């Protein structure tokens, strides 16, 4: 939800970001090219941050396009 020009946050951003994260990691895991269980904390951060940014951007754009 956009509040006075501020970007969306919380659930809408996570709702878009988490599936994007899973969609990018799942094929690599299935093909055994990576194993998220063995990732370090910095690897998790470098994987999650861009997907949360995507979710925040997608939720903000959606909110702004659907404002009446």
Foldseek 3Di string as FASTA:
>chain_A
DADPNDFDDDPQLCVQLVVVLCVVVVVCVVVVVDDVVPDDPVVVCVSRVVSSVVSRVVRRVVVVVPDD
